[in-house]
N, C-alpha and C. Protein backbone atom coordinates (compact mmCIF):
# COMPACT_ATOMS: atom_id res chain seq x y z
N MET A 1 0.83 -1.18 0.29
CA MET A 1 -0.03 0.06 -0.13
C MET A 1 0.78 1.32 -0.07
N ARG A 2 0.71 2.12 -0.99
CA ARG A 2 1.51 3.36 -0.81
C ARG A 2 0.90 4.56 -0.07
N ARG A 3 1.90 4.67 0.73
CA ARG A 3 1.40 6.03 1.67
C ARG A 3 1.53 7.40 1.06
N PRO A 4 0.40 8.08 1.48
CA PRO A 4 0.07 9.44 0.74
C PRO A 4 1.19 10.18 1.30
N HIS A 5 1.81 11.32 0.42
CA HIS A 5 2.59 12.31 0.42
C HIS A 5 2.31 13.38 1.80
N GLN A 6 3.12 13.60 2.63
CA GLN A 6 2.57 14.37 3.80
C GLN A 6 3.52 15.52 3.62
N THR A 7 2.63 16.75 3.66
CA THR A 7 3.57 17.99 3.75
C THR A 7 3.28 18.74 5.20
N SER A 8 4.45 19.18 5.76
CA SER A 8 4.29 19.82 6.98
C SER A 8 3.94 21.43 6.69
N LEU A 9 3.10 21.93 7.45
CA LEU A 9 2.79 22.94 7.51
C LEU A 9 3.74 23.90 8.42
N LEU A 10 4.55 23.47 9.01
CA LEU A 10 5.58 24.26 9.81
C LEU A 10 7.02 24.25 9.33
N PRO A 11 7.53 25.35 9.36
CA PRO A 11 8.94 25.64 8.68
C PRO A 11 9.79 24.67 9.19
N THR A 12 10.72 23.92 8.31
CA THR A 12 11.74 23.13 8.76
C THR A 12 13.32 23.55 8.67
N ASP A 13 13.32 24.84 8.66
CA ASP A 13 14.54 25.24 8.84
C ASP A 13 14.87 25.59 10.54
N SER A 14 15.95 25.63 11.01
CA SER A 14 16.37 25.49 12.31
C SER A 14 16.21 26.83 12.89
N SER A 15 15.74 27.92 12.28
CA SER A 15 15.28 29.08 12.98
C SER A 15 13.97 28.94 13.67
N PHE A 16 13.18 27.96 13.29
CA PHE A 16 11.84 27.90 13.82
C PHE A 16 11.98 27.34 15.19
N SER A 17 11.33 27.58 16.23
CA SER A 17 11.36 27.24 17.51
C SER A 17 9.88 27.39 18.20
N MET A 18 9.63 26.17 18.88
CA MET A 18 8.34 26.31 19.56
C MET A 18 8.60 26.48 21.03
N ALA A 19 9.92 26.99 21.11
CA ALA A 19 9.98 27.61 22.75
C ALA A 19 9.10 28.70 22.91
N PRO A 20 8.63 28.40 24.46
CA PRO A 20 7.65 29.96 24.54
C PRO A 20 8.52 31.04 24.76
N MET A 21 7.94 32.46 24.41
CA MET A 21 8.64 33.57 24.58
C MET A 21 8.87 33.94 26.01
N LYS A 22 10.35 34.60 26.15
CA LYS A 22 10.57 35.14 27.19
C LYS A 22 9.53 36.22 27.90
N LYS A 23 9.34 36.13 29.23
CA LYS A 23 8.47 36.96 29.78
C LYS A 23 9.23 38.06 30.38
N ILE A 24 9.03 39.43 30.05
CA ILE A 24 9.79 40.42 30.42
C ILE A 24 8.82 41.55 30.99
N SER A 25 9.13 41.90 32.27
CA SER A 25 8.76 43.45 32.72
C SER A 25 9.54 44.58 32.65
N ILE A 26 8.63 45.77 32.02
CA ILE A 26 9.43 46.71 31.69
C ILE A 26 8.60 47.63 32.60
N TYR A 27 9.49 48.41 33.43
CA TYR A 27 8.76 49.64 34.15
C TYR A 27 9.39 51.03 33.65
N THR A 28 8.56 52.01 33.63
CA THR A 28 9.23 53.25 33.10
C THR A 28 8.66 54.48 33.68
N ASP A 29 9.14 55.64 33.31
CA ASP A 29 8.61 56.82 33.95
C ASP A 29 9.41 57.97 33.02
N GLY A 30 8.87 59.12 32.97
CA GLY A 30 9.47 60.31 32.25
C GLY A 30 8.93 61.34 33.07
N SER A 31 9.98 62.49 32.85
CA SER A 31 9.89 63.71 33.50
C SER A 31 10.32 64.90 32.79
N ALA A 32 9.72 65.87 32.90
CA ALA A 32 10.19 67.31 32.42
C ALA A 32 10.28 68.35 33.53
N ARG A 33 11.40 68.97 33.47
CA ARG A 33 11.38 70.06 34.40
C ARG A 33 10.82 71.37 33.48
N GLY A 34 9.34 71.54 33.87
CA GLY A 34 8.97 72.51 33.13
C GLY A 34 8.12 71.70 31.89
N ASN A 35 7.25 71.89 31.22
CA ASN A 35 6.64 71.30 30.25
C ASN A 35 5.93 72.43 29.14
N PRO A 36 7.02 72.57 28.26
CA PRO A 36 8.09 71.75 28.08
C PRO A 36 9.25 72.23 28.98
N GLY A 37 10.38 71.69 28.87
CA GLY A 37 11.54 71.96 29.58
C GLY A 37 12.75 70.89 29.54
N PRO A 38 13.87 71.01 30.21
CA PRO A 38 14.70 69.61 30.30
C PRO A 38 13.74 68.48 30.61
N GLY A 39 14.19 67.40 30.00
CA GLY A 39 13.31 66.13 30.24
C GLY A 39 14.31 65.03 30.35
N GLY A 40 13.69 63.82 30.89
CA GLY A 40 14.36 62.73 30.94
C GLY A 40 13.56 61.43 31.01
N TYR A 41 14.12 60.25 30.82
CA TYR A 41 13.22 59.22 30.72
C TYR A 41 14.01 58.10 31.71
N GLY A 42 13.29 57.12 32.32
CA GLY A 42 13.90 56.00 33.18
C GLY A 42 13.30 54.68 32.73
N THR A 43 13.94 53.68 32.50
CA THR A 43 13.54 52.53 32.00
C THR A 43 14.04 51.26 32.96
N LEU A 44 13.39 50.34 33.49
CA LEU A 44 13.77 49.12 34.10
C LEU A 44 13.42 47.94 33.21
N LEU A 45 14.38 47.24 32.83
CA LEU A 45 14.05 45.98 32.12
C LEU A 45 14.21 44.73 32.89
N VAL A 46 13.24 44.04 33.29
CA VAL A 46 13.48 42.87 34.31
C VAL A 46 13.24 41.58 33.84
N TYR A 47 14.11 40.46 33.72
CA TYR A 47 13.97 39.19 33.34
C TYR A 47 14.83 38.16 34.37
N GLN A 48 13.85 37.63 34.89
CA GLN A 48 14.43 36.40 35.70
C GLN A 48 15.29 36.85 36.89
N GLY A 49 14.94 38.04 37.37
CA GLY A 49 15.56 38.86 38.28
C GLY A 49 16.61 39.49 37.93
N GLN A 50 17.09 39.55 36.87
CA GLN A 50 18.16 40.44 36.37
C GLN A 50 17.46 41.75 35.90
N ILE A 51 18.13 43.03 36.17
CA ILE A 51 17.70 44.33 35.82
C ILE A 51 18.50 44.88 35.14
N ARG A 52 18.14 45.48 34.17
CA ARG A 52 18.91 46.63 33.10
C ARG A 52 18.17 47.89 33.28
N GLU A 53 18.91 48.91 33.64
CA GLU A 53 18.44 50.18 33.61
C GLU A 53 18.99 50.99 32.28
N LEU A 54 17.95 51.64 31.94
CA LEU A 54 18.28 52.61 30.65
C LEU A 54 17.67 54.03 31.00
N SER A 55 18.49 55.22 30.71
CA SER A 55 18.00 56.46 30.84
C SER A 55 18.50 57.39 29.71
N GLY A 56 18.09 58.48 29.43
CA GLY A 56 18.64 59.49 28.78
C GLY A 56 17.67 60.81 29.09
N GLY A 57 18.14 61.93 28.29
CA GLY A 57 17.83 63.01 28.87
C GLY A 57 17.83 64.00 27.39
N PHE A 58 16.88 64.95 27.34
CA PHE A 58 16.97 66.01 26.39
C PHE A 58 16.88 67.47 26.91
N ALA A 59 17.59 68.42 26.16
CA ALA A 59 17.60 69.79 26.85
C ALA A 59 16.32 70.46 26.70
N ARG A 60 15.12 70.01 25.95
CA ARG A 60 13.89 70.85 26.04
C ARG A 60 12.90 69.55 25.15
N THR A 61 11.87 69.41 25.98
CA THR A 61 11.02 68.34 25.56
C THR A 61 9.61 68.44 26.32
N THR A 62 9.12 67.45 26.41
CA THR A 62 7.62 67.09 27.23
C THR A 62 7.76 66.13 28.10
N ASN A 63 6.78 66.21 29.00
CA ASN A 63 6.76 65.13 30.01
C ASN A 63 5.87 63.74 29.30
N ASN A 64 4.97 64.08 28.37
CA ASN A 64 4.42 63.11 27.60
C ASN A 64 5.47 62.33 26.59
N ARG A 65 6.19 63.16 25.82
CA ARG A 65 7.30 62.51 25.02
C ARG A 65 8.10 61.51 25.76
N MET A 66 8.78 62.15 27.23
CA MET A 66 9.52 61.28 28.11
C MET A 66 8.77 60.13 28.45
N GLU A 67 7.52 60.03 28.83
CA GLU A 67 6.70 58.92 29.21
C GLU A 67 6.73 57.78 28.06
N ILE A 68 6.61 58.60 26.95
CA ILE A 68 6.51 57.46 25.71
C ILE A 68 7.70 56.95 25.40
N LEU A 69 8.77 57.86 25.34
CA LEU A 69 10.12 57.33 25.26
C LEU A 69 10.72 56.15 26.22
N ALA A 70 10.26 56.36 27.33
CA ALA A 70 10.72 55.40 28.18
C ALA A 70 10.31 54.11 28.03
N ALA A 71 8.87 53.78 27.71
CA ALA A 71 8.62 52.60 27.16
C ALA A 71 9.16 52.20 25.88
N LEU A 72 9.01 53.08 24.90
CA LEU A 72 9.62 52.71 23.46
C LEU A 72 11.13 52.28 23.60
N THR A 73 11.88 52.88 24.36
CA THR A 73 13.32 52.46 24.63
C THR A 73 13.51 51.18 25.15
N GLY A 74 12.54 50.86 26.14
CA GLY A 74 12.51 49.50 26.77
C GLY A 74 12.28 48.29 25.70
N ILE A 75 11.21 48.82 25.06
CA ILE A 75 10.61 47.51 24.09
C ILE A 75 11.70 47.56 22.91
N GLU A 76 12.45 48.76 22.58
CA GLU A 76 13.21 48.73 21.33
C GLU A 76 14.56 47.79 21.85
N ALA A 77 14.98 47.92 23.11
CA ALA A 77 16.12 47.14 23.64
C ALA A 77 15.98 45.46 23.54
N LEU A 78 14.87 45.15 23.20
CA LEU A 78 14.54 43.70 23.29
C LEU A 78 14.96 43.20 22.09
N LYS A 79 15.91 41.77 22.21
CA LYS A 79 16.47 41.50 20.76
C LYS A 79 15.65 40.39 20.16
N GLU A 80 14.51 40.07 20.92
CA GLU A 80 13.69 38.89 20.33
C GLU A 80 12.18 39.22 20.56
N SER A 81 11.44 38.46 19.91
CA SER A 81 10.12 38.69 20.22
C SER A 81 9.98 38.30 21.64
N CYS A 82 9.17 38.87 22.56
CA CYS A 82 8.88 38.66 23.80
C CYS A 82 7.46 38.83 24.57
N GLU A 83 6.86 38.18 25.24
CA GLU A 83 5.78 38.55 26.10
C GLU A 83 5.96 39.82 27.06
N VAL A 84 5.53 40.92 26.87
CA VAL A 84 6.02 41.96 27.77
C VAL A 84 4.92 42.57 28.73
N THR A 85 5.25 42.88 29.86
CA THR A 85 4.22 43.81 30.44
C THR A 85 5.00 45.04 30.72
N VAL A 86 4.33 46.29 30.37
CA VAL A 86 4.81 47.47 30.42
C VAL A 86 4.05 48.06 31.64
N TYR A 87 4.63 48.67 32.54
CA TYR A 87 4.26 49.54 33.70
C TYR A 87 4.55 50.66 33.34
N SER A 88 3.40 51.92 33.65
CA SER A 88 3.62 53.00 33.49
C SER A 88 2.80 53.80 34.43
N ASP A 89 3.03 55.00 34.88
CA ASP A 89 2.21 55.97 35.69
C ASP A 89 1.61 56.86 34.82
N SER A 90 1.73 56.83 33.34
CA SER A 90 1.19 57.68 32.23
C SER A 90 0.10 57.23 31.84
N LYS A 91 -1.23 58.04 32.33
CA LYS A 91 -2.72 57.68 31.56
C LYS A 91 -2.42 57.80 30.15
N TYR A 92 -1.84 58.72 29.73
CA TYR A 92 -1.82 59.18 28.25
C TYR A 92 -1.40 58.17 27.54
N LEU A 93 -0.01 57.19 27.95
CA LEU A 93 0.49 56.24 27.53
C LEU A 93 -0.30 55.09 27.66
N ILE A 94 -0.81 54.70 28.58
CA ILE A 94 -1.52 53.40 28.96
C ILE A 94 -3.12 53.60 28.11
N ASP A 95 -3.76 54.50 28.18
CA ASP A 95 -5.07 54.80 27.40
C ASP A 95 -4.68 54.63 25.96
N THR A 96 -3.54 55.02 25.61
CA THR A 96 -3.34 55.25 24.00
C THR A 96 -3.42 53.60 23.55
N MET A 97 -2.68 52.88 24.42
CA MET A 97 -2.45 51.47 23.96
C MET A 97 -3.50 50.84 24.36
N ASN A 98 -4.20 50.66 25.60
CA ASN A 98 -5.21 49.87 25.89
C ASN A 98 -6.44 50.08 25.21
N LYS A 99 -6.53 51.35 24.85
CA LYS A 99 -8.02 51.79 24.26
C LYS A 99 -7.97 51.89 22.55
N GLY A 100 -6.78 51.36 22.23
CA GLY A 100 -6.52 51.20 20.74
C GLY A 100 -6.50 52.76 19.87
N TRP A 101 -6.17 53.77 20.78
CA TRP A 101 -6.24 55.17 20.09
C TRP A 101 -5.00 55.12 18.73
N ILE A 102 -3.85 54.18 19.27
CA ILE A 102 -2.81 54.30 18.21
C ILE A 102 -3.44 53.65 16.98
N HIS A 103 -3.91 52.82 16.86
CA HIS A 103 -4.75 52.23 15.65
C HIS A 103 -5.38 53.38 14.98
N GLY A 104 -6.07 54.01 15.84
CA GLY A 104 -7.13 55.10 14.87
C GLY A 104 -6.40 56.01 14.42
N TRP A 105 -5.26 56.53 15.14
CA TRP A 105 -4.25 57.64 14.64
C TRP A 105 -3.79 57.01 13.24
N LYS A 106 -3.35 56.05 13.39
CA LYS A 106 -2.57 55.24 12.18
C LYS A 106 -3.77 55.48 10.96
N LYS A 107 -4.87 54.87 11.30
CA LYS A 107 -5.89 54.66 10.12
C LYS A 107 -6.23 56.43 9.63
N LYS A 108 -6.04 57.31 10.31
CA LYS A 108 -6.40 58.91 9.94
C LYS A 108 -5.10 59.46 9.39
N GLY A 109 -4.25 58.76 9.24
CA GLY A 109 -3.00 59.34 8.92
C GLY A 109 -2.12 60.19 9.89
N TRP A 110 -2.21 59.50 11.19
CA TRP A 110 -1.49 59.89 12.15
C TRP A 110 -2.10 61.41 12.47
N LYS A 111 -3.53 61.33 12.39
CA LYS A 111 -4.15 62.73 13.19
C LYS A 111 -5.22 62.19 13.95
N ARG A 112 -5.54 63.20 14.89
CA ARG A 112 -6.51 62.71 15.86
C ARG A 112 -7.80 62.83 15.26
N GLY A 113 -8.04 63.83 13.86
CA GLY A 113 -9.17 63.76 13.08
C GLY A 113 -9.11 64.69 12.37
N PRO A 114 -9.98 65.19 11.24
CA PRO A 114 -9.76 66.27 10.46
C PRO A 114 -9.26 67.54 11.09
N HIS A 115 -8.10 67.94 10.46
CA HIS A 115 -7.68 69.15 11.06
C HIS A 115 -7.13 69.30 12.33
N LYS A 116 -6.94 68.17 12.98
CA LYS A 116 -6.45 68.07 14.42
C LYS A 116 -5.05 67.14 14.28
N PRO A 117 -4.09 67.92 14.54
CA PRO A 117 -2.92 67.24 14.53
C PRO A 117 -2.72 66.46 15.57
N LEU A 118 -1.92 65.35 15.47
CA LEU A 118 -1.44 64.54 16.56
C LEU A 118 0.10 64.90 17.18
N LYS A 119 0.09 64.95 18.52
CA LYS A 119 1.41 65.31 18.96
C LYS A 119 2.40 64.17 18.89
N ASN A 120 3.46 64.16 19.11
CA ASN A 120 4.55 62.90 19.28
C ASN A 120 4.28 61.80 18.18
N THR A 121 4.06 62.33 17.05
CA THR A 121 3.57 61.30 16.06
C THR A 121 5.00 60.29 15.63
N ASP A 122 6.21 61.07 15.78
CA ASP A 122 7.49 60.20 15.53
C ASP A 122 7.37 59.10 16.35
N LEU A 123 7.06 59.34 17.61
CA LEU A 123 7.24 58.25 18.87
C LEU A 123 6.25 57.25 18.65
N TRP A 124 5.02 57.74 18.30
CA TRP A 124 3.95 56.60 18.22
C TRP A 124 4.09 55.81 16.82
N GLN A 125 4.64 56.48 15.98
CA GLN A 125 4.93 55.71 14.83
C GLN A 125 6.09 54.49 14.99
N ARG A 126 7.04 54.94 15.69
CA ARG A 126 8.13 53.93 16.16
C ARG A 126 7.32 52.78 16.95
N MET A 127 6.42 53.30 18.02
CA MET A 127 5.68 52.20 18.81
C MET A 127 5.04 51.23 18.01
N HIS A 128 3.97 51.88 17.31
CA HIS A 128 3.25 51.04 16.25
C HIS A 128 3.94 49.93 15.59
N ALA A 129 5.14 50.37 15.31
CA ALA A 129 5.93 49.24 14.38
C ALA A 129 6.45 48.04 15.27
N LEU A 130 6.33 48.12 16.50
CA LEU A 130 6.90 47.17 17.39
C LEU A 130 5.75 46.23 17.68
N LEU A 131 4.40 46.60 17.41
CA LEU A 131 3.52 46.13 18.06
C LEU A 131 3.30 44.62 17.71
N ASP A 132 3.41 44.25 16.55
CA ASP A 132 3.41 42.94 15.97
C ASP A 132 4.50 42.01 16.09
N ARG A 133 5.60 42.66 16.83
CA ARG A 133 6.61 41.70 17.26
C ARG A 133 6.70 41.23 18.52
N HIS A 134 5.92 41.93 19.33
CA HIS A 134 5.88 41.55 20.88
C HIS A 134 4.36 41.30 21.29
N THR A 135 4.08 40.47 22.19
CA THR A 135 2.94 40.48 22.97
C THR A 135 2.91 41.35 24.03
N ILE A 136 2.21 42.37 24.07
CA ILE A 136 2.46 43.57 25.19
C ILE A 136 1.27 43.63 25.83
N ASN A 137 1.46 43.92 27.27
CA ASN A 137 0.29 43.80 28.11
C ASN A 137 0.71 45.39 28.81
N TRP A 138 -0.18 46.30 28.83
CA TRP A 138 0.06 47.67 29.36
C TRP A 138 -0.60 47.77 30.74
N GLN A 139 0.06 48.11 31.55
CA GLN A 139 -0.41 48.43 33.09
C GLN A 139 0.00 49.59 33.60
N TRP A 140 -1.10 50.34 34.16
CA TRP A 140 -1.09 51.44 34.76
C TRP A 140 -0.73 51.37 36.32
N VAL A 141 0.21 52.29 36.72
CA VAL A 141 0.42 52.24 38.32
C VAL A 141 0.41 53.50 38.56
N LYS A 142 0.28 53.70 39.96
CA LYS A 142 0.22 55.10 40.48
C LYS A 142 1.52 55.72 40.83
N GLY A 143 1.49 56.84 40.18
CA GLY A 143 3.13 57.40 40.47
C GLY A 143 3.22 57.84 41.61
N HIS A 144 4.45 57.99 42.21
CA HIS A 144 4.80 58.62 43.32
C HIS A 144 3.99 58.06 44.61
N ASN A 145 3.99 56.72 44.49
CA ASN A 145 3.17 56.07 45.65
C ASN A 145 3.86 54.97 46.06
N GLY A 146 4.99 54.92 46.23
CA GLY A 146 5.90 53.78 46.84
C GLY A 146 6.27 52.65 46.09
N HIS A 147 5.65 52.57 44.79
CA HIS A 147 6.04 51.36 44.01
C HIS A 147 7.54 51.59 43.49
N PRO A 148 8.43 50.39 44.14
CA PRO A 148 9.58 50.55 44.15
C PRO A 148 10.35 50.70 42.56
N GLU A 149 9.86 50.08 41.75
CA GLU A 149 10.32 50.05 40.51
C GLU A 149 9.96 51.19 39.65
N ASN A 150 8.58 51.69 39.92
CA ASN A 150 8.26 53.16 39.46
C ASN A 150 9.28 54.30 40.03
N GLU A 151 9.45 54.33 41.25
CA GLU A 151 10.27 55.13 42.16
C GLU A 151 11.78 55.17 41.60
N ARG A 152 12.36 54.04 41.16
CA ARG A 152 13.72 53.98 40.51
C ARG A 152 13.60 54.71 39.35
N CYS A 153 12.53 54.42 38.49
CA CYS A 153 12.50 54.85 37.28
C CYS A 153 12.49 56.54 37.19
N ASP A 154 11.60 56.98 38.15
CA ASP A 154 11.55 58.41 38.43
C ASP A 154 12.80 59.02 38.76
N VAL A 155 13.69 58.33 39.41
CA VAL A 155 15.23 58.81 39.81
C VAL A 155 15.76 58.98 38.66
N LEU A 156 15.87 57.72 37.99
CA LEU A 156 16.77 57.70 36.49
C LEU A 156 16.24 58.80 35.57
N ALA A 157 14.80 59.26 35.60
CA ALA A 157 14.34 60.14 34.61
C ALA A 157 14.99 61.51 35.15
N THR A 158 14.60 61.72 36.28
CA THR A 158 14.85 63.34 36.92
C THR A 158 16.31 63.34 36.79
N THR A 159 17.22 62.35 37.09
CA THR A 159 18.62 62.44 36.80
C THR A 159 19.15 62.96 35.64
N ALA A 160 18.47 62.16 34.56
CA ALA A 160 18.82 62.27 33.25
C ALA A 160 18.33 63.78 32.69
N ALA A 161 17.21 64.32 33.36
CA ALA A 161 16.98 65.50 32.81
C ALA A 161 17.67 66.54 33.35
N ASP A 162 18.20 66.23 34.57
CA ASP A 162 18.99 67.28 35.24
C ASP A 162 20.70 67.51 34.85
N GLN A 163 21.01 66.51 33.85
CA GLN A 163 22.45 66.49 33.13
C GLN A 163 22.66 67.69 32.36
N LYS A 164 23.69 68.31 32.53
CA LYS A 164 24.04 69.33 31.57
C LYS A 164 24.46 68.77 30.03
N ASN A 165 24.17 69.85 29.14
CA ASN A 165 24.61 69.61 27.82
C ASN A 165 23.89 68.42 27.24
N ASN A 166 22.48 68.19 27.61
CA ASN A 166 21.63 67.19 27.07
C ASN A 166 21.40 67.48 25.53
N PRO A 167 21.14 66.33 24.67
CA PRO A 167 21.03 66.80 23.46
C PRO A 167 19.61 67.29 22.96
N THR A 168 19.38 67.74 21.73
CA THR A 168 18.17 68.38 21.45
C THR A 168 17.24 67.25 21.11
N ASP A 169 15.99 67.23 21.47
CA ASP A 169 15.03 66.27 21.19
C ASP A 169 14.44 66.86 19.54
N HIS A 170 14.88 66.07 18.53
CA HIS A 170 14.62 66.64 17.13
C HIS A 170 13.12 66.40 16.94
N GLY A 171 12.27 65.65 17.63
CA GLY A 171 11.14 65.28 17.40
C GLY A 171 10.12 66.22 17.88
N PHE A 172 10.53 66.93 19.03
CA PHE A 172 9.79 67.84 19.90
C PHE A 172 9.44 69.15 19.04
N ILE A 173 8.24 69.32 19.02
CA ILE A 173 7.69 70.52 18.29
C ILE A 173 6.99 71.47 19.23
N GLU A 174 7.36 72.76 19.20
CA GLU A 174 6.51 73.47 20.04
C GLU A 174 5.28 73.58 19.74
């Protein structure tokens, strides 16, 4: 009896893996000394008890830009697809992601509506490009409420904002 030819629907090359995605926690905070003013972001990446700290500052920016950039920097630092939980005290960031505003803005040509420009378009476009690569859960935490990781991110962000000779935030538009 002749056996039927079987075709696998799974890739046969060695790059395919059924291994579960790494679970990463990303804690974030942004800061601006004046709004606009000198600003910074702080990010913690936590994986299996190991912590990586990221931070940066700009000479003139806004708090919202730094909140977005804190999350974006953490996600962009991941070298492979991961299951990510992002913790932020920014309602603007969390609502944008959880309520799907980012997808609506893209459909409208990165505008909030007719004749309504969208701020921080450069950052939102970068964020949107990462959404298919990772599984991301967005969680709001109350800021300045004793949450250790959020408090550490606040220190990183404010320290970065206070640095002398910070670069220009080229995406910031007055």
